[in-house]
């Protein structure tokens, strides 16, 4: 069961109450009998397990494909993830000669 924090509007008395989710919020201060309001505070969040860092959630293409960036699947087709990235295509365009290019004159 959650513990809720309350604050009295009349006397500024603060207290905690353990209630079920289905219970209505308290309305009366135990110290003076005045009107109380539920205090909303920060929530503690704990991230457990792997996958919370970019290095944990993704594997590099070399690690998953055994060093082959464009390894096809077993049936010979490629997936969307197998497509070359823009940096790889630009690098390939610079290093590969064009097929229709004429040889240099000697």
PDB file of N, CA and C in Angstrom:
ATOM      1  N   UNK A   1       0.841  -1.188   0.000  1.00  0.00           N
ATOM      2  CA  UNK A   1       0.000   0.000   0.000  1.00  0.00           C
ATOM      3  C   UNK A   1       0.880   1.243   0.000  1.00  0.00           C
ATOM      4  N   UNK A   2       0.490   2.233  -0.780  1.00  0.00           N
ATOM      5  CA  UNK A   2       1.289   3.458  -0.844  1.00  0.00           C
ATOM      6  C   UNK A   2       1.107   4.336   0.390  1.00  0.00           C
ATOM      7  N   UNK A   3       2.114   5.135   0.639  1.00  0.00           N
ATOM      8  CA  UNK A   3       2.079   6.112   1.725  1.00  0.00           C
ATOM      9  C   UNK A   3       1.945   7.487   1.109  1.00  0.00           C
ATOM     10  N   UNK A   4       0.935   8.219   1.534  1.00  0.00           N
ATOM     11  CA  UNK A   4       0.672   9.562   1.005  1.00  0.00           C
ATOM     12  C   UNK A   4       1.044  10.606   2.043  1.00  0.00           C
ATOM     13  N   UNK A   5       1.560  11.740   1.591  1.00  0.00           N
ATOM     14  CA  UNK A   5       1.903  12.859   2.460  1.00  0.00           C
ATOM     15  C   UNK A   5       0.754  13.866   2.419  1.00  0.00           C
ATOM     16  N   UNK A   6       0.390  14.381   3.588  1.00  0.00           N
ATOM     17  CA  UNK A   6      -0.683  15.370   3.707  1.00  0.00           C
ATOM     18  C   UNK A   6      -0.156  16.588   4.451  1.00  0.00           C
ATOM     19  N   UNK A   7      -0.800  17.762   4.169  1.00  0.00           N
ATOM     20  CA  UNK A   7      -0.461  19.009   4.853  1.00  0.00           C
ATOM     21  C   UNK A   7      -1.758  19.725   5.198  1.00  0.00           C
ATOM     22  N   UNK A   8      -1.854  20.164   6.442  1.00  0.00           N
ATOM     23  CA  UNK A   8      -3.040  20.890   6.898  1.00  0.00           C
ATOM     24  C   UNK A   8      -2.954  22.340   6.414  1.00  0.00           C
ATOM     25  N   UNK A   9      -4.049  22.832   5.883  1.00  0.00           N
ATOM     26  CA  UNK A   9      -4.079  24.217   5.403  1.00  0.00           C
ATOM     27  C   UNK A   9      -4.136  25.190   6.580  1.00  0.00           C
ATOM     28  N   UNK A  10      -4.802  24.825   7.654  1.00  0.00           N
ATOM     29  CA  UNK A  10      -4.989  25.722   8.808  1.00  0.00           C
ATOM     30  C   UNK A  10      -3.736  25.840   9.673  1.00  0.00           C
ATOM     31  N   UNK A  11      -3.163  24.705  10.093  1.00  0.00           N
ATOM     32  CA  UNK A  11      -2.043  24.762  11.049  1.00  0.00           C
ATOM     33  C   UNK A  11      -0.700  24.340  10.436  1.00  0.00           C
ATOM     34  N   UNK A  12      -0.663  24.007   9.178  1.00  0.00           N
ATOM     35  CA  UNK A  12       0.546  23.600   8.443  1.00  0.00           C
ATOM     36  C   UNK A  12       1.165  22.315   9.015  1.00  0.00           C
ATOM     37  N   UNK A  13       0.339  21.500   9.683  1.00  0.00           N
ATOM     38  CA  UNK A  13       0.798  20.207  10.206  1.00  0.00           C
ATOM     39  C   UNK A  13       0.982  19.248   9.026  1.00  0.00           C
ATOM     40  N   UNK A  14       2.118  18.569   9.004  1.00  0.00           N
ATOM     41  CA  UNK A  14       2.404  17.611   7.936  1.00  0.00           C
ATOM     42  C   UNK A  14       2.446  16.211   8.528  1.00  0.00           C
ATOM     43  N   UNK A  15       1.837  15.260   7.800  1.00  0.00           N
ATOM     44  CA  UNK A  15       1.837  13.876   8.261  1.00  0.00           C
ATOM     45  C   UNK A  15       1.697  12.942   7.059  1.00  0.00           C
ATOM     46  N   UNK A  16       2.016  11.682   7.296  1.00  0.00           N
ATOM     47  CA  UNK A  16       1.915  10.655   6.264  1.00  0.00           C
ATOM     48  C   UNK A  16       0.812   9.678   6.642  1.00  0.00           C
ATOM     49  N   UNK A  17       0.137   9.154   5.636  1.00  0.00           N
ATOM     50  CA  UNK A  17      -0.910   8.164   5.867  1.00  0.00           C
ATOM     51  C   UNK A  17      -0.768   7.050   4.835  1.00  0.00           C
ATOM     52  N   UNK A  18      -0.833   5.801   5.303  1.00  0.00           N
ATOM     53  CA  UNK A  18      -0.783   4.651   4.415  1.00  0.00           C
ATOM     54  C   UNK A  18      -2.215   4.285   4.048  1.00  0.00           C
ATOM     55  N   UNK A  19      -2.520   4.321   2.740  1.00  0.00           N
ATOM     56  CA  UNK A  19      -3.880   4.072   2.280  1.00  0.00           C
ATOM     57  C   UNK A  19      -3.852   3.173   1.051  1.00  0.00           C
ATOM     58  N   UNK A  20      -4.987   2.520   0.805  1.00  0.00           N
ATOM     59  CA  UNK A  20      -5.118   1.751  -0.428  1.00  0.00           C
ATOM     60  C   UNK A  20      -5.397   2.708  -1.574  1.00  0.00           C
ATOM     61  N   UNK A  21      -5.191   2.232  -2.801  1.00  0.00           N
ATOM     62  CA  UNK A  21      -5.465   3.066  -3.973  1.00  0.00           C
ATOM     63  C   UNK A  21      -6.947   3.433  -4.046  1.00  0.00           C
ATOM     64  N   UNK A  22      -7.813   2.529  -3.629  1.00  0.00           N
ATOM     65  CA  UNK A  22      -9.251   2.753  -3.725  1.00  0.00           C
ATOM     66  C   UNK A  22      -9.787   3.685  -2.643  1.00  0.00           C
ATOM     67  N   UNK A  23      -9.028   3.940  -1.583  1.00  0.00           N
ATOM     68  CA  UNK A  23      -9.486   4.806  -0.490  1.00  0.00           C
ATOM     69  C   UNK A  23      -9.563   6.255  -0.951  1.00  0.00           C
ATOM     70  N   UNK A  24     -10.535   6.980  -0.399  1.00  0.00           N
ATOM     71  CA  UNK A  24     -10.641   8.415  -0.675  1.00  0.00           C
ATOM     72  C   UNK A  24      -9.554   9.161   0.089  1.00  0.00           C
ATOM     73  N   UNK A  25      -9.093  10.307  -0.431  1.00  0.00           N
ATOM     74  CA  UNK A  25      -8.082  11.088   0.291  1.00  0.00           C
ATOM     75  C   UNK A  25      -8.640  11.597   1.623  1.00  0.00           C
ATOM     76  N   UNK A  26      -7.749  11.767   2.595  1.00  0.00           N
ATOM     77  CA  UNK A  26      -8.154  12.302   3.892  1.00  0.00           C
ATOM     78  C   UNK A  26      -8.546  13.766   3.741  1.00  0.00           C
ATOM     79  N   UNK A  27      -9.457  14.219   4.596  1.00  0.00           N
ATOM     80  CA  UNK A  27      -9.916  15.605   4.521  1.00  0.00           C
ATOM     81  C   UNK A  27      -9.744  16.366   5.830  1.00  0.00           C
ATOM     82  N   UNK A  28      -9.477  15.637   6.952  1.00  0.00           N
ATOM     83  CA  UNK A  28      -9.427  16.287   8.265  1.00  0.00           C
ATOM     84  C   UNK A  28      -8.063  16.099   8.920  1.00  0.00           C
ATOM     85  N   UNK A  29      -7.513  17.175   9.454  1.00  0.00           N
ATOM     86  CA  UNK A  29      -6.217  17.145  10.133  1.00  0.00           C
ATOM     87  C   UNK A  29      -6.358  16.463  11.497  1.00  0.00           C
ATOM     88  N   UNK A  30      -5.467  15.512  11.836  1.00  0.00           N
ATOM     89  CA  UNK A  30      -5.558  14.867  13.149  1.00  0.00           C
ATOM     90  C   UNK A  30      -5.157  15.797  14.299  1.00  0.00           C
ATOM     91  N   UNK A  31      -4.415  16.885  14.008  1.00  0.00           N
ATOM     92  CA  UNK A  31      -3.964  17.797  15.071  1.00  0.00           C
ATOM     93  C   UNK A  31      -5.011  18.854  15.408  1.00  0.00           C
ATOM     94  N   UNK A  32      -5.581  19.508  14.395  1.00  0.00           N
ATOM     95  CA  UNK A  32      -6.497  20.618  14.665  1.00  0.00           C
ATOM     96  C   UNK A  32      -7.896  20.413  14.081  1.00  0.00           C
ATOM     97  N   UNK A  33      -8.083  19.435  13.236  1.00  0.00           N
ATOM     98  CA  UNK A  33      -9.387  19.195  12.628  1.00  0.00           C
ATOM     99  C   UNK A  33      -9.635  20.025  11.380  1.00  0.00           C
ATOM    100  N   UNK A  34      -8.613  20.746  10.911  1.00  0.00           N
ATOM    101  CA  UNK A  34      -8.760  21.579   9.723  1.00  0.00           C
ATOM    102  C   UNK A  34      -8.694  20.765   8.426  1.00  0.00           C
ATOM    103  N   UNK A  35      -8.833  21.454   7.338  1.00  0.00           N
ATOM    104  CA  UNK A  35      -8.825  20.824   6.012  1.00  0.00           C
ATOM    105  C   UNK A  35      -7.398  20.472   5.607  1.00  0.00           C
ATOM    106  N   UNK A  36      -7.190  19.259   5.084  1.00  0.00           N
ATOM    107  CA  UNK A  36      -5.859  18.833   4.633  1.00  0.00           C
ATOM    108  C   UNK A  36      -5.872  18.607   3.131  1.00  0.00           C
ATOM    109  N   UNK A  37      -4.720  18.773   2.530  1.00  0.00           N
ATOM    110  CA  UNK A  37      -4.521  18.519   1.106  1.00  0.00           C
ATOM    111  C   UNK A  37      -3.383  17.523   0.945  1.00  0.00           C
ATOM    112  N   UNK A  38      -3.502  16.685  -0.062  1.00  0.00           N
ATOM    113  CA  UNK A  38      -2.446  15.717  -0.353  1.00  0.00           C
ATOM    114  C   UNK A  38      -1.270  16.444  -0.999  1.00  0.00           C
ATOM    115  N   UNK A  39      -0.058  16.167  -0.502  1.00  0.00           N
ATOM    116  CA  UNK A  39       1.159  16.794  -1.013  1.00  0.00           C
ATOM    117  C   UNK A  39       1.750  15.883  -2.089  1.00  0.00           C
ATOM    118  N   UNK A  40       2.013  16.457  -3.230  1.00  0.00           N
ATOM    119  CA  UNK A  40       2.642  15.705  -4.311  1.00  0.00           C
ATOM    120  C   UNK A  40       4.132  15.996  -4.274  1.00  0.00           C
ATOM    121  N   UNK A  41       4.919  14.949  -4.148  1.00  0.00           N
ATOM    122  CA  UNK A  41       6.365  15.107  -4.044  1.00  0.00           C
ATOM    123  C   UNK A  41       7.083  14.371  -5.151  1.00  0.00           C
ATOM    124  N   UNK A  42       8.399  14.488  -5.161  1.00  0.00           N
ATOM    125  CA  UNK A  42       9.175  13.800  -6.189  1.00  0.00           C
ATOM    126  C   UNK A  42       9.099  12.281  -5.989  1.00  0.00           C
ATOM    127  N   UNK A  43       9.170  11.586  -7.091  1.00  0.00           N
ATOM    128  CA  UNK A  43       9.079  10.131  -7.068  1.00  0.00           C
ATOM    129  C   UNK A  43      10.456   9.546  -7.309  1.00  0.00           C
ATOM    130  N   UNK A  44      10.835   8.568  -6.506  1.00  0.00           N
ATOM    131  CA  UNK A  44      12.112   7.889  -6.696  1.00  0.00           C
ATOM    132  C   UNK A  44      11.992   6.873  -7.822  1.00  0.00           C
ATOM    133  N   UNK A  45      12.840   6.985  -8.826  1.00  0.00           N
ATOM    134  CA  UNK A  45      12.816   6.068  -9.951  1.00  0.00           C
ATOM    135  C   UNK A  45      14.124   5.296  -9.963  1.00  0.00           C
ATOM    136  N   UNK A  46      14.027   3.985 -10.070  1.00  0.00           N
ATOM    137  CA  UNK A  46      15.207   3.130 -10.109  1.00  0.00           C
ATOM    138  C   UNK A  46      15.175   2.352 -11.414  1.00  0.00           C
ATOM    139  N   UNK A  47      16.190   2.529 -12.243  1.00  0.00           N
ATOM    140  CA  UNK A  47      16.305   1.791 -13.486  1.00  0.00           C
ATOM    141  C   UNK A  47      17.156   0.562 -13.229  1.00  0.00           C
ATOM    142  N   UNK A  48      16.556  -0.618 -13.409  1.00  0.00           N
ATOM    143  CA  UNK A  48      17.274  -1.857 -13.167  1.00  0.00           C
ATOM    144  C   UNK A  48      17.441  -2.603 -14.479  1.00  0.00           C
ATOM    145  N   UNK A  49      18.497  -3.373 -14.572  1.00  0.00           N
ATOM    146  CA  UNK A  49      18.714  -4.211 -15.752  1.00  0.00           C
ATOM    147  C   UNK A  49      19.581  -3.526 -16.778  1.00  0.00           C
ATOM    148  N   UNK A  50      19.877  -4.260 -17.818  1.00  0.00           N
ATOM    149  CA  UNK A  50      20.716  -3.702 -18.881  1.00  0.00           C
ATOM    150  C   UNK A  50      19.839  -3.001 -19.903  1.00  0.00           C
ATOM    151  N   UNK A  51      20.461  -2.228 -20.755  1.00  0.00           N
ATOM    152  CA  UNK A  51      19.744  -1.556 -21.816  1.00  0.00           C
ATOM    153  C   UNK A  51      19.410  -0.109 -21.541  1.00  0.00           C
ATOM    154  N   UNK A  52      19.973   0.496 -20.508  1.00  0.00           N
ATOM    155  CA  UNK A  52      19.663   1.885 -20.213  1.00  0.00           C
ATOM    156  C   UNK A  52      20.684   2.852 -20.796  1.00  0.00           C
ATOM    157  N   UNK A  53      21.735   2.328 -21.385  1.00  0.00           N
ATOM    158  CA  UNK A  53      22.719   3.165 -22.047  1.00  0.00           C
ATOM    159  C   UNK A  53      22.745   2.803 -23.519  1.00  0.00           C
ATOM    160  N   UNK A  54      23.124   3.709 -24.376  1.00  0.00           N
ATOM    161  CA  UNK A  54      23.146   3.465 -25.821  1.00  0.00           C
ATOM    162  C   UNK A  54      24.096   2.323 -26.151  1.00  0.00           C
ATOM    163  N   UNK A  55      25.142   2.166 -25.377  1.00  0.00           N
ATOM    164  CA  UNK A  55      26.090   1.085 -25.652  1.00  0.00           C
ATOM    165  C   UNK A  55      25.540  -0.271 -25.220  1.00  0.00           C
ATOM    166  N   UNK A  56      24.557  -0.295 -24.315  1.00  0.00           N
ATOM    167  CA  UNK A  56      23.975  -1.557 -23.864  1.00  0.00           C
ATOM    168  C   UNK A  56      22.868  -2.042 -24.779  1.00  0.00           C
ATOM    169  N   UNK A  57      22.148  -1.134 -25.413  1.00  0.00           N
ATOM    170  CA  UNK A  57      20.954  -1.531 -26.140  1.00  0.00           C
ATOM    171  C   UNK A  57      21.213  -1.909 -27.592  1.00  0.00           C
ATOM    172  N   UNK A  58      22.306  -1.503 -28.166  1.00  0.00           N
ATOM    173  CA  UNK A  58      22.566  -1.796 -29.568  1.00  0.00           C
ATOM    174  C   UNK A  58      23.936  -2.427 -29.719  1.00  0.00           C
ATOM    175  N   UNK A  59      24.013  -3.345 -30.633  1.00  0.00           N
ATOM    176  CA  UNK A  59      25.284  -3.957 -30.985  1.00  0.00           C
ATOM    177  C   UNK A  59      25.770  -3.308 -32.278  1.00  0.00           C
ATOM    178  N   UNK A  60      27.077  -3.224 -32.441  1.00  0.00           N
ATOM    179  CA  UNK A  60      27.595  -2.683 -33.683  1.00  0.00           C
ATOM    180  C   UNK A  60      27.371  -3.691 -34.795  1.00  0.00           C
ATOM    181  N   UNK A  61      27.369  -3.238 -36.037  1.00  0.00           N
ATOM    182  CA  UNK A  61      27.114  -4.145 -37.158  1.00  0.00           C
ATOM    183  C   UNK A  61      28.243  -5.161 -37.301  1.00  0.00           C
ATOM    184  N   UNK A  62      29.453  -4.806 -36.906  1.00  0.00           N
ATOM    185  CA  UNK A  62      30.561  -5.754 -36.979  1.00  0.00           C
ATOM    186  C   UNK A  62      30.387  -6.879 -35.975  1.00  0.00           C
ATOM    187  N   UNK A  63      29.883  -6.564 -34.781  1.00  0.00           N
ATOM    188  CA  UNK A  63      29.719  -7.592 -33.757  1.00  0.00           C
ATOM    189  C   UNK A  63      28.582  -8.548 -34.107  1.00  0.00           C
ATOM    190  N   UNK A  64      27.524  -8.037 -34.714  1.00  0.00           N
ATOM    191  CA  UNK A  64      26.378  -8.890 -35.013  1.00  0.00           C
ATOM    192  C   UNK A  64      26.563  -9.680 -36.302  1.00  0.00           C
ATOM    193  N   UNK A  65      27.332  -9.150 -37.258  1.00  0.00           N
ATOM    194  CA  UNK A  65      27.507  -9.820 -38.547  1.00  0.00           C
ATOM    195  C   UNK A  65      28.873 -10.452 -38.698  1.00  0.00           C
ATOM    196  N   UNK A  66      29.644 -10.532 -37.651  1.00  0.00           N
ATOM    197  CA  UNK A  66      30.958 -11.149 -37.729  1.00  0.00           C
ATOM    198  C   UNK A  66      31.941 -10.357 -38.565  1.00  0.00           C
ATOM    199  N   UNK A  67      31.831  -9.024 -38.565  1.00  0.00           N
ATOM    200  CA  UNK A  67      32.758  -8.190 -39.312  1.00  0.00           C
ATOM    201  C   UNK A  67      32.269  -7.848 -40.704  1.00  0.00           C
ATOM    202  N   UNK A  68      31.137  -8.365 -41.139  1.00  0.00           N
ATOM    203  CA  UNK A  68      30.586  -8.075 -42.460  1.00  0.00           C
ATOM    204  C   UNK A  68      29.445  -7.091 -42.294  1.00  0.00           C
ATOM    205  N   UNK A  69      29.610  -5.898 -42.842  1.00  0.00           N
ATOM    206  CA  UNK A  69      28.597  -4.862 -42.658  1.00  0.00           C
ATOM    207  C   UNK A  69      27.328  -5.172 -43.436  1.00  0.00           C
ATOM    208  N   UNK A  70      27.431  -5.777 -44.608  1.00  0.00           N
ATOM    209  CA  UNK A  70      26.265  -6.040 -45.441  1.00  0.00           C
ATOM    210  C   UNK A  70      26.029  -7.536 -45.602  1.00  0.00           C
ATOM    211  N   UNK A  71      26.043  -8.269 -44.533  1.00  0.00           N
ATOM    212  CA  UNK A  71      25.844  -9.714 -44.616  1.00  0.00           C
ATOM    213  C   UNK A  71      24.378 -10.013 -44.896  1.00  0.00           C
ATOM    214  N   UNK A  72      24.068 -10.764 -45.966  1.00  0.00           N
ATOM    215  CA  UNK A  72      22.674 -11.102 -46.250  1.00  0.00           C
ATOM    216  C   UNK A  72      22.174 -12.168 -45.291  1.00  0.00           C
ATOM    217  N   UNK A  73      20.846 -12.275 -45.191  1.00  0.00           N
ATOM    218  CA  UNK A  73      20.269 -13.321 -44.364  1.00  0.00           C
ATOM    219  C   UNK A  73      20.490 -14.667 -45.045  1.00  0.00           C
ATOM    220  N   UNK A  74      20.135 -15.749 -44.370  1.00  0.00           N
ATOM    221  CA  UNK A  74      20.369 -17.080 -44.898  1.00  0.00           C
ATOM    222  C   UNK A  74      19.639 -17.324 -46.212  1.00  0.00           C
ATOM    223  N   UNK A  75      18.476 -16.692 -46.410  1.00  0.00           N
ATOM    224  CA  UNK A  75      17.736 -16.912 -47.647  1.00  0.00           C
ATOM    225  C   UNK A  75      18.206 -15.998 -48.779  1.00  0.00           C
ATOM    226  N   UNK A  76      19.236 -15.194 -48.545  1.00  0.00           N
ATOM    227  CA  UNK A  76      19.835 -14.362 -49.579  1.00  0.00           C
ATOM    228  C   UNK A  76      19.297 -12.950 -49.634  1.00  0.00           C
ATOM    229  N   UNK A  77      18.245 -12.636 -48.895  1.00  0.00           N
ATOM    230  CA  UNK A  77      17.693 -11.289 -48.903  1.00  0.00           C
ATOM    231  C   UNK A  77      18.376 -10.450 -47.839  1.00  0.00           C
ATOM    232  N   UNK A  78      18.265  -9.153 -47.999  1.00  0.00           N
ATOM    233  CA  UNK A  78      18.824  -8.234 -47.016  1.00  0.00           C
ATOM    234  C   UNK A  78      17.687  -7.580 -46.251  1.00  0.00           C
ATOM    235  N   UNK A  79      17.939  -7.246 -44.997  1.00  0.00           N
ATOM    236  CA  UNK A  79      16.947  -6.547 -44.193  1.00  0.00           C
ATOM    237  C   UNK A  79      17.216  -5.056 -44.265  1.00  0.00           C
ATOM    238  N   UNK A  80      16.309  -4.272 -43.691  1.00  0.00           N
ATOM    239  CA  UNK A  80      16.477  -2.822 -43.660  1.00  0.00           C
ATOM    240  C   UNK A  80      17.756  -2.449 -42.907  1.00  0.00           C
ATOM    241  N   UNK A  81      18.070  -3.200 -41.841  1.00  0.00           N
ATOM    242  CA  UNK A  81      19.263  -2.918 -41.051  1.00  0.00           C
ATOM    243  C   UNK A  81      20.537  -3.228 -41.831  1.00  0.00           C
ATOM    244  N   UNK A  82      20.442  -4.081 -42.854  1.00  0.00           N
ATOM    245  CA  UNK A  82      21.615  -4.436 -43.636  1.00  0.00           C
ATOM    246  C   UNK A  82      21.975  -3.369 -44.674  1.00  0.00           C
ATOM    247  N   UNK A  83      21.080  -2.419 -44.917  1.00  0.00           N
ATOM    248  CA  UNK A  83      21.329  -1.380 -45.909  1.00  0.00           C
ATOM    249  C   UNK A  83      22.497  -0.514 -45.459  1.00  0.00           C
ATOM    250  N   UNK A  84      23.351  -0.091 -46.404  1.00  0.00           N
ATOM    251  CA  UNK A  84      24.495   0.753 -46.017  1.00  0.00           C
ATOM    252  C   UNK A  84      24.024   2.107 -45.523  1.00  0.00           C
ATOM    253  N   UNK A  85      24.751   2.651 -44.606  1.00  0.00           N
ATOM    254  CA  UNK A  85      24.424   3.955 -44.053  1.00  0.00           C
ATOM    255  C   UNK A  85      24.986   5.041 -44.975  1.00  0.00           C
ATOM    256  N   UNK A  86      24.485   6.282 -44.882  1.00  0.00           N
ATOM    257  CA  UNK A  86      24.936   7.351 -45.779  1.00  0.00           C
ATOM    258  C   UNK A  86      26.451   7.558 -45.771  1.00  0.00           C
ATOM    259  N   UNK A  87      27.078   7.458 -44.603  1.00  0.00           N
ATOM    260  CA  UNK A  87      28.529   7.643 -44.527  1.00  0.00           C
ATOM    261  C   UNK A  87      29.242   6.517 -45.277  1.00  0.00           C
ATOM    262  N   UNK A  88      28.713   5.297 -45.195  1.00  0.00           N
ATOM    263  CA  UNK A  88      29.334   4.171 -45.876  1.00  0.00           C
ATOM    264  C   UNK A  88      29.184   4.295 -47.391  1.00  0.00           C
ATOM    265  N   UNK A  89      28.026   4.782 -47.863  1.00  0.00           N
ATOM    266  CA  UNK A  89      27.829   4.920 -49.305  1.00  0.00           C
ATOM    267  C   UNK A  89      28.706   6.029 -49.865  1.00  0.00           C
ATOM    268  N   UNK A  90      28.893   7.123 -49.104  1.00  0.00           N
ATOM    269  CA  UNK A  90      29.760   8.196 -49.568  1.00  0.00           C
ATOM    270  C   UNK A  90      31.200   7.718 -49.638  1.00  0.00           C
ATOM    271  N   UNK A  91      31.638   6.928 -48.666  1.00  0.00           N
ATOM    272  CA  UNK A  91      32.994   6.393 -48.658  1.00  0.00           C
ATOM    273  C   UNK A  91      33.184   5.438 -49.835  1.00  0.00           C
ATOM    274  N   UNK A  92      32.188   4.612 -50.101  1.00  0.00           N
ATOM    275  CA  UNK A  92      32.274   3.651 -51.201  1.00  0.00           C
ATOM    276  C   UNK A  92      32.306   4.376 -52.545  1.00  0.00           C
ATOM    277  N   UNK A  93      31.576   5.480 -52.660  1.00  0.00           N
ATOM    278  CA  UNK A  93      31.550   6.222 -53.918  1.00  0.00           C
ATOM    279  C   UNK A  93      32.910   6.860 -54.196  1.00  0.00           C
ATOM    280  N   UNK A  94      33.629   7.244 -53.162  1.00  0.00           N
ATOM    281  CA  UNK A  94      34.937   7.861 -53.347  1.00  0.00           C
ATOM    282  C   UNK A  94      36.003   6.826 -53.707  1.00  0.00           C
ATOM    283  N   UNK A  95      35.887   5.615 -53.174  1.00  0.00           N
ATOM    284  CA  UNK A  95      36.941   4.634 -53.369  1.00  0.00           C
ATOM    285  C   UNK A  95      36.740   3.768 -54.606  1.00  0.00           C
ATOM    286  N   UNK A  96      35.508   3.543 -55.034  1.00  0.00           N
ATOM    287  CA  UNK A  96      35.264   2.693 -56.191  1.00  0.00           C
ATOM    288  C   UNK A  96      35.286   3.531 -57.464  1.00  0.00           C
ATOM    289  N   UNK A  97      36.027   3.108 -58.510  1.00  0.00           N
ATOM    290  CA  UNK A  97      36.002   3.849 -59.766  1.00  0.00           C
ATOM    291  C   UNK A  97      34.678   3.631 -60.468  1.00  0.00           C
ATOM    292  N   UNK A  98      34.267   4.617 -61.215  1.00  0.00           N
ATOM    293  CA  UNK A  98      33.010   4.501 -61.940  1.00  0.00           C
ATOM    294  C   UNK A  98      33.220   3.579 -63.132  1.00  0.00           C
ATOM    295  N   UNK A  99      32.199   2.797 -63.439  1.00  0.00           N
ATOM    296  CA  UNK A  99      32.294   1.808 -64.512  1.00  0.00           C
ATOM    297  C   UNK A  99      32.356   2.476 -65.883  1.00  0.00           C
ATOM    298  N   UNK A 100      31.708   3.616 -66.065  1.00  0.00           N
ATOM    299  CA  UNK A 100      31.688   4.266 -67.374  1.00  0.00           C
ATOM    300  C   UNK A 100      32.831   5.265 -67.552  1.00  0.00           C
ATOM    301  N   UNK A 101      33.728   5.379 -66.590  1.00  0.00           N
ATOM    302  CA  UNK A 101      34.843   6.310 -66.691  1.00  0.00           C
ATOM    303  C   UNK A 101      35.869   5.787 -67.695  1.00  0.00           C
ATOM    304  N   UNK A 102      36.421   6.689 -68.498  1.00  0.00           N
ATOM    305  CA  UNK A 102      37.426   6.336 -69.503  1.00  0.00           C
ATOM    306  C   UNK A 102      38.805   6.285 -68.844  1.00  0.00           C
ATOM    307  N   UNK A 103      39.657   5.370 -69.297  1.00  0.00           N
ATOM    308  CA  UNK A 103      40.997   5.313 -68.746  1.00  0.00           C
ATOM    309  C   UNK A 103      41.765   6.608 -69.054  1.00  0.00           C
ATOM    310  N   UNK A 104      42.667   6.966 -68.181  1.00  0.00           N
ATOM    311  CA  UNK A 104      43.467   8.183 -68.358  1.00  0.00           C
ATOM    312  C   UNK A 104      44.425   8.008 -69.522  1.00  0.00           C
ATOM    313  N   UNK A 105      44.598   9.074 -70.278  1.00  0.00           N
ATOM    314  CA  UNK A 105      45.524   9.059 -71.407  1.00  0.00           C
ATOM    315  C   UNK A 105      46.957   9.095 -70.913  1.00  0.00           C
ATOM    316  N   UNK A 106      47.802   8.306 -71.570  1.00  0.00           N
ATOM    317  CA  UNK A 106      49.200   8.229 -71.138  1.00  0.00           C
ATOM    318  C   UNK A 106      50.078   9.079 -71.995  1.00  0.00           C
TER     319      UNK A 106
END
